[in-house]
Amino acid sequence: MSNDSMNGTSRSAGGFGVHEKLELHELLVFKTGCLTKSQMMLPQVQEDELKSILLTDIQYGMEDVKQLKEAFEQKDEGAQKGEGAQNDKNKG
């Protein structure tokens, strides 16, 4: 029996466990919300220093969202490849 089965977790072949996917999704939603709020506040900011801070926050927020999406997509691709290999194994 695999360690994942004994722990009661479900793990895709080559991917995140279900709880890890959920946490990654929650983080992605949170970071997207923060980025949206920063972008909406930018036109209202008049002070140059604060505007600079907000622009930096937006830049880093966009990078974070991109990295989270890539991680999510890579793990999904890995899981699909693993499932495909498992299906091929079962056919043969």
N, C-alpha and C. Protein backbone atom coordinates (compact mmCIF):
# COMPACT_ATOMS: atom_id res chain seq x y z
N MET A 1 0.85 -1.17 0.00
CA MET A 1 0.00 0.00 0.00
C MET A 1 0.90 1.23 0.00
N SER A 2 0.55 2.22 -0.85
CA SER A 2 1.40 3.41 -0.95
C SER A 2 1.22 4.28 0.28
N ASN A 3 2.22 5.13 0.51
CA ASN A 3 2.18 6.04 1.64
C ASN A 3 1.00 6.99 1.53
N ASP A 4 0.68 7.45 0.29
CA ASP A 4 -0.45 8.35 0.08
C ASP A 4 -1.76 7.66 0.46
N SER A 5 -1.89 6.39 0.13
CA SER A 5 -3.11 5.67 0.46
C SER A 5 -3.25 5.51 1.96
N MET A 6 -2.14 5.25 2.64
CA MET A 6 -2.18 5.07 4.08
C MET A 6 -2.52 6.38 4.79
N ASN A 7 -2.08 7.52 4.21
CA ASN A 7 -2.34 8.82 4.82
C ASN A 7 -3.72 9.35 4.46
N GLY A 8 -4.42 8.67 3.57
CA GLY A 8 -5.74 9.13 3.18
C GLY A 8 -5.71 10.30 2.21
N THR A 9 -4.59 10.50 1.53
CA THR A 9 -4.50 11.58 0.55
C THR A 9 -4.57 10.98 -0.84
N SER A 10 -4.99 11.78 -1.77
CA SER A 10 -5.06 11.35 -3.15
C SER A 10 -4.03 12.16 -3.92
N ARG A 11 -3.16 11.48 -4.62
CA ARG A 11 -2.11 12.17 -5.35
C ARG A 11 -2.12 11.69 -6.79
N SER A 12 -2.15 12.66 -7.72
CA SER A 12 -2.07 12.33 -9.12
C SER A 12 -0.66 11.89 -9.43
N ALA A 13 -0.51 11.04 -10.42
CA ALA A 13 0.83 10.61 -10.83
C ALA A 13 1.60 11.83 -11.31
N GLY A 14 2.72 12.15 -10.69
CA GLY A 14 3.55 13.27 -11.10
C GLY A 14 2.97 14.63 -10.77
N GLY A 15 1.94 14.70 -9.92
CA GLY A 15 1.31 15.99 -9.65
C GLY A 15 1.13 16.25 -8.17
N PHE A 16 0.41 17.32 -7.90
CA PHE A 16 0.08 17.68 -6.52
C PHE A 16 -1.01 16.78 -5.98
N GLY A 17 -1.07 16.66 -4.68
CA GLY A 17 -2.20 16.01 -4.05
C GLY A 17 -3.40 16.94 -4.15
N VAL A 18 -4.58 16.40 -3.91
CA VAL A 18 -5.81 17.18 -4.03
C VAL A 18 -5.78 18.40 -3.11
N HIS A 19 -5.35 18.21 -1.86
CA HIS A 19 -5.31 19.33 -0.92
C HIS A 19 -4.28 20.38 -1.35
N GLU A 20 -3.20 19.95 -1.98
CA GLU A 20 -2.19 20.90 -2.46
C GLU A 20 -2.73 21.71 -3.63
N LYS A 21 -3.48 21.07 -4.51
CA LYS A 21 -4.10 21.79 -5.62
C LYS A 21 -5.07 22.84 -5.09
N LEU A 22 -5.85 22.47 -4.09
CA LEU A 22 -6.81 23.39 -3.51
C LEU A 22 -6.10 24.60 -2.89
N GLU A 23 -5.03 24.36 -2.16
CA GLU A 23 -4.28 25.45 -1.55
C GLU A 23 -3.63 26.34 -2.60
N LEU A 24 -3.11 25.73 -3.66
CA LEU A 24 -2.51 26.50 -4.74
C LEU A 24 -3.58 27.37 -5.41
N HIS A 25 -4.75 26.80 -5.62
CA HIS A 25 -5.86 27.56 -6.22
C HIS A 25 -6.27 28.72 -5.32
N GLU A 26 -6.37 28.48 -4.01
CA GLU A 26 -6.73 29.55 -3.06
C GLU A 26 -5.70 30.67 -3.09
N LEU A 27 -4.44 30.32 -3.16
CA LEU A 27 -3.38 31.32 -3.21
C LEU A 27 -3.46 32.12 -4.51
N LEU A 28 -3.73 31.44 -5.61
CA LEU A 28 -3.86 32.12 -6.90
C LEU A 28 -5.03 33.10 -6.89
N VAL A 29 -6.16 32.69 -6.32
CA VAL A 29 -7.33 33.58 -6.22
C VAL A 29 -6.99 34.79 -5.34
N PHE A 30 -6.33 34.55 -4.21
CA PHE A 30 -5.96 35.65 -3.30
C PHE A 30 -5.03 36.65 -3.99
N LYS A 31 -3.98 36.14 -4.64
CA LYS A 31 -3.01 37.03 -5.30
C LYS A 31 -3.67 37.80 -6.44
N THR A 32 -4.59 37.16 -7.16
CA THR A 32 -5.30 37.84 -8.24
C THR A 32 -6.17 38.97 -7.68
N GLY A 33 -6.81 38.72 -6.55
CA GLY A 33 -7.62 39.75 -5.90
C GLY A 33 -6.77 40.93 -5.45
N CYS A 34 -5.62 40.64 -4.87
CA CYS A 34 -4.70 41.71 -4.45
C CYS A 34 -4.23 42.53 -5.64
N LEU A 35 -3.90 41.87 -6.72
CA LEU A 35 -3.43 42.54 -7.92
C LEU A 35 -4.53 43.43 -8.50
N THR A 36 -5.74 42.92 -8.55
CA THR A 36 -6.88 43.69 -9.06
C THR A 36 -7.11 44.95 -8.22
N LYS A 37 -7.06 44.79 -6.90
CA LYS A 37 -7.27 45.93 -6.01
C LYS A 37 -6.18 47.00 -6.21
N SER A 38 -4.94 46.56 -6.33
CA SER A 38 -3.84 47.51 -6.55
C SER A 38 -4.02 48.26 -7.86
N GLN A 39 -4.43 47.54 -8.90
CA GLN A 39 -4.63 48.18 -10.20
C GLN A 39 -5.79 49.17 -10.16
N MET A 40 -6.82 48.85 -9.40
CA MET A 40 -7.98 49.74 -9.30
C MET A 40 -7.65 51.00 -8.48
N MET A 41 -6.76 50.87 -7.52
CA MET A 41 -6.40 52.00 -6.66
C MET A 41 -5.42 52.96 -7.34
N LEU A 42 -4.67 52.47 -8.29
CA LEU A 42 -3.61 53.27 -8.92
C LEU A 42 -4.09 54.63 -9.46
N PRO A 43 -5.20 54.70 -10.20
CA PRO A 43 -5.62 56.02 -10.71
C PRO A 43 -6.00 57.02 -9.61
N GLN A 44 -6.31 56.54 -8.43
CA GLN A 44 -6.71 57.43 -7.34
C GLN A 44 -5.52 57.99 -6.56
N VAL A 45 -4.36 57.40 -6.74
CA VAL A 45 -3.17 57.80 -5.98
C VAL A 45 -2.54 59.03 -6.63
N GLN A 46 -2.27 60.04 -5.81
CA GLN A 46 -1.68 61.27 -6.32
C GLN A 46 -0.23 61.45 -5.89
N GLU A 47 0.14 60.90 -4.77
CA GLU A 47 1.50 61.06 -4.26
C GLU A 47 2.45 60.15 -5.05
N ASP A 48 3.55 60.71 -5.51
CA ASP A 48 4.49 59.98 -6.36
C ASP A 48 5.11 58.77 -5.69
N GLU A 49 5.50 58.93 -4.43
CA GLU A 49 6.14 57.81 -3.72
C GLU A 49 5.16 56.64 -3.54
N LEU A 50 3.95 56.94 -3.18
CA LEU A 50 2.94 55.90 -3.01
C LEU A 50 2.60 55.25 -4.35
N LYS A 51 2.54 56.05 -5.41
CA LYS A 51 2.28 55.52 -6.75
C LYS A 51 3.40 54.58 -7.17
N SER A 52 4.63 54.92 -6.84
CA SER A 52 5.78 54.07 -7.16
C SER A 52 5.69 52.74 -6.41
N ILE A 53 5.31 52.80 -5.14
CA ILE A 53 5.14 51.58 -4.34
C ILE A 53 4.05 50.70 -4.94
N LEU A 54 2.95 51.30 -5.33
CA LEU A 54 1.84 50.57 -5.90
C LEU A 54 2.22 49.94 -7.25
N LEU A 55 2.95 50.67 -8.06
CA LEU A 55 3.42 50.13 -9.35
C LEU A 55 4.35 48.93 -9.14
N THR A 56 5.21 49.03 -8.14
CA THR A 56 6.10 47.91 -7.81
C THR A 56 5.29 46.71 -7.34
N ASP A 57 4.28 46.97 -6.51
CA ASP A 57 3.41 45.90 -6.03
C ASP A 57 2.69 45.22 -7.20
N ILE A 58 2.23 46.00 -8.15
CA ILE A 58 1.54 45.46 -9.33
C ILE A 58 2.49 44.59 -10.15
N GLN A 59 3.72 45.08 -10.33
CA GLN A 59 4.71 44.33 -11.10
C GLN A 59 5.00 42.98 -10.45
N TYR A 60 5.26 43.00 -9.15
CA TYR A 60 5.55 41.74 -8.44
C TYR A 60 4.32 40.84 -8.38
N GLY A 61 3.14 41.45 -8.23
CA GLY A 61 1.91 40.68 -8.21
C GLY A 61 1.67 39.95 -9.51
N MET A 62 1.95 40.61 -10.63
CA MET A 62 1.78 39.97 -11.94
C MET A 62 2.75 38.81 -12.10
N GLU A 63 3.98 38.98 -11.63
CA GLU A 63 4.97 37.90 -11.69
C GLU A 63 4.52 36.72 -10.82
N ASP A 64 4.01 37.02 -9.63
CA ASP A 64 3.53 35.96 -8.73
C ASP A 64 2.39 35.17 -9.35
N VAL A 65 1.42 35.87 -9.91
CA VAL A 65 0.27 35.20 -10.54
C VAL A 65 0.74 34.33 -11.70
N LYS A 66 1.67 34.85 -12.50
CA LYS A 66 2.20 34.09 -13.64
C LYS A 66 2.88 32.81 -13.15
N GLN A 67 3.69 32.91 -12.11
CA GLN A 67 4.39 31.74 -11.57
C GLN A 67 3.41 30.72 -10.99
N LEU A 68 2.39 31.19 -10.29
CA LEU A 68 1.40 30.28 -9.73
C LEU A 68 0.63 29.56 -10.83
N LYS A 69 0.26 30.29 -11.89
CA LYS A 69 -0.43 29.66 -13.02
C LYS A 69 0.45 28.61 -13.68
N GLU A 70 1.73 28.94 -13.88
CA GLU A 70 2.66 28.00 -14.50
C GLU A 70 2.81 26.74 -13.65
N ALA A 71 2.94 26.92 -12.35
CA ALA A 71 3.08 25.76 -11.46
C ALA A 71 1.83 24.90 -11.51
N PHE A 72 0.68 25.53 -11.52
CA PHE A 72 -0.59 24.81 -11.57
C PHE A 72 -0.70 24.04 -12.88
N GLU A 73 -0.35 24.70 -14.00
CA GLU A 73 -0.45 24.07 -15.31
C GLU A 73 0.58 22.96 -15.48
N GLN A 74 1.80 23.15 -14.99
CA GLN A 74 2.83 22.11 -15.10
C GLN A 74 2.41 20.85 -14.35
N LYS A 75 1.89 21.03 -13.17
CA LYS A 75 1.48 19.87 -12.38
C LYS A 75 0.28 19.19 -13.01
N ASP A 76 -0.62 19.96 -13.62
CA ASP A 76 -1.76 19.36 -14.31
C ASP A 76 -1.29 18.56 -15.52
N GLU A 77 -0.31 19.12 -16.28
CA GLU A 77 0.23 18.40 -17.42
C GLU A 77 0.92 17.12 -16.98
N GLY A 78 1.68 17.21 -15.89
CA GLY A 78 2.37 16.04 -15.36
C GLY A 78 1.39 14.97 -14.93
N ALA A 79 0.30 15.39 -14.32
CA ALA A 79 -0.72 14.44 -13.87
C ALA A 79 -1.39 13.79 -15.07
N GLN A 80 -1.68 14.57 -16.12
CA GLN A 80 -2.31 14.02 -17.31
C GLN A 80 -1.38 13.04 -18.02
N LYS A 81 -0.10 13.38 -18.09
CA LYS A 81 0.86 12.47 -18.70
C LYS A 81 0.96 11.18 -17.89
N GLY A 82 0.97 11.32 -16.57
CA GLY A 82 1.05 10.15 -15.69
C GLY A 82 -0.19 9.28 -15.84
N GLU A 83 -1.36 9.90 -15.96
CA GLU A 83 -2.59 9.15 -16.14
C GLU A 83 -2.59 8.47 -17.49
N GLY A 84 -2.08 9.16 -18.52
CA GLY A 84 -1.99 8.56 -19.85
C GLY A 84 -1.07 7.36 -19.86
N ALA A 85 0.05 7.47 -19.17
CA ALA A 85 1.00 6.35 -19.08
C ALA A 85 0.36 5.20 -18.32
N GLN A 86 -0.40 5.51 -17.28
CA GLN A 86 -1.07 4.47 -16.50
C GLN A 86 -2.12 3.78 -17.36
N ASN A 87 -2.87 4.55 -18.17
CA ASN A 87 -3.87 3.96 -19.05
C ASN A 87 -3.22 3.07 -20.10
N ASP A 88 -2.07 3.53 -20.66
CA ASP A 88 -1.34 2.72 -21.63
C ASP A 88 -0.87 1.42 -20.97
N LYS A 89 -0.42 1.51 -19.75
CA LYS A 89 0.05 0.35 -19.02
C LYS A 89 -1.08 -0.66 -18.82
N ASN A 90 -2.26 -0.14 -18.50
CA ASN A 90 -3.41 -1.01 -18.26
C ASN A 90 -3.91 -1.67 -19.54
N LYS A 91 -3.73 -0.99 -20.68
CA LYS A 91 -4.17 -1.56 -21.97
C LYS A 91 -3.28 -2.72 -22.40
N GLY A 92 -1.99 -2.59 -22.09
CA GLY A 92 -1.00 -3.55 -22.57
C GLY A 92 -0.89 -4.78 -21.80
